[in-house]
Amino acid sequence: MENWITTKIKSEDINYFKYEEFSDKVEIGRGGFGVVYKAKWNFRGMEEAALKALLDNNNHSSINKYI
């Protein structure tokens, strides 16, 4: 999965932002494939953003590495 994501980022099919750019992350939803977070972000006039982190086989979010 990690190689697929890296390839998609390099080909610009996925926009990549560092999690350090976001603050005050709060989980707002969880499903079979991922977790959605609401976060504060200052980018092109945006104040908030939704982040989606994929779940691994143990239902752990990869975003936890960055929070």
Protein backbone atom coordinates (compact mmCIF):
# COMPACT_ATOMS: atom_id res chain seq x y z
CA MET A 1 0.00 0.00 0.00
CA GLU A 2 2.78 2.42 0.90
CA ASN A 3 4.44 2.01 -2.51
CA TRP A 4 1.12 2.65 -4.26
CA ILE A 5 0.57 5.85 -2.28
CA THR A 6 4.13 7.05 -2.97
CA THR A 7 3.65 6.41 -6.70
CA LYS A 8 0.32 8.30 -6.73
CA ILE A 9 1.87 11.28 -4.91
CA LYS A 10 4.79 11.43 -7.38
CA SER A 11 2.39 11.30 -10.34
CA GLU A 12 0.31 14.03 -8.65
CA ASP A 13 -2.82 11.85 -8.55
CA ILE A 14 -2.88 12.49 -4.80
CA ASN A 15 -2.16 15.88 -3.24
CA TYR A 16 0.41 15.59 -0.46
CA PHE A 17 0.52 17.83 2.59
CA LYS A 18 2.55 17.28 5.74
CA TYR A 19 0.43 16.57 8.80
CA GLU A 20 2.44 19.17 10.70
CA GLU A 21 0.63 21.80 8.58
CA PHE A 22 -2.63 20.91 10.36
CA SER A 23 -3.48 21.56 14.01
CA ASP A 24 -6.23 20.68 16.48
CA LYS A 25 -7.06 17.35 14.79
CA VAL A 26 -10.33 15.85 16.04
CA GLU A 27 -11.77 12.52 14.88
CA ILE A 28 -15.24 13.07 13.39
CA GLY A 29 -15.92 9.76 11.68
CA ARG A 30 -14.72 6.20 11.22
CA GLY A 31 -15.56 3.60 8.61
CA GLY A 32 -14.30 0.32 7.24
CA PHE A 33 -11.36 1.82 5.39
CA GLY A 34 -10.40 4.93 7.27
CA VAL A 35 -10.83 7.65 9.84
CA VAL A 36 -11.88 11.22 9.07
CA TYR A 37 -10.50 14.11 11.10
CA LYS A 38 -11.44 17.78 11.24
CA ALA A 39 -8.38 20.02 11.55
CA LYS A 40 -7.42 23.67 11.52
CA TRP A 41 -5.42 24.70 8.47
CA ASN A 42 -4.42 28.00 6.91
CA PHE A 43 -4.08 27.47 3.17
CA ARG A 44 -5.41 29.73 0.42
CA GLY A 45 -7.97 31.25 2.76
CA MET A 46 -9.19 27.92 4.13
CA GLU A 47 -9.49 27.73 7.89
CA GLU A 48 -10.48 24.08 8.31
CA ALA A 49 -9.94 20.87 6.43
CA ALA A 50 -11.03 17.26 6.54
CA LEU A 51 -8.26 14.67 6.65
CA LYS A 52 -8.76 11.01 5.88
CA ALA A 53 -6.32 8.44 7.19
CA LEU A 54 -6.37 4.87 5.94
CA LEU A 55 -6.73 2.07 8.47
CA ASP A 56 -4.22 -0.76 8.62
CA ASN A 57 -5.15 -4.42 9.12
CA ASN A 58 -5.47 -3.87 12.89
CA ASN A 59 -7.90 -0.92 12.46
CA HIS A 60 -5.19 1.57 13.46
CA SER A 61 -5.03 4.91 11.68
CA SER A 62 -1.73 5.84 10.07
CA ILE A 63 -2.32 9.45 11.15
CA ASN A 64 -1.51 8.45 14.73
CA LYS A 65 2.16 8.45 13.74
CA TYR A 66 1.94 12.18 13.10
CA ILE A 67 -0.31 13.48 15.88
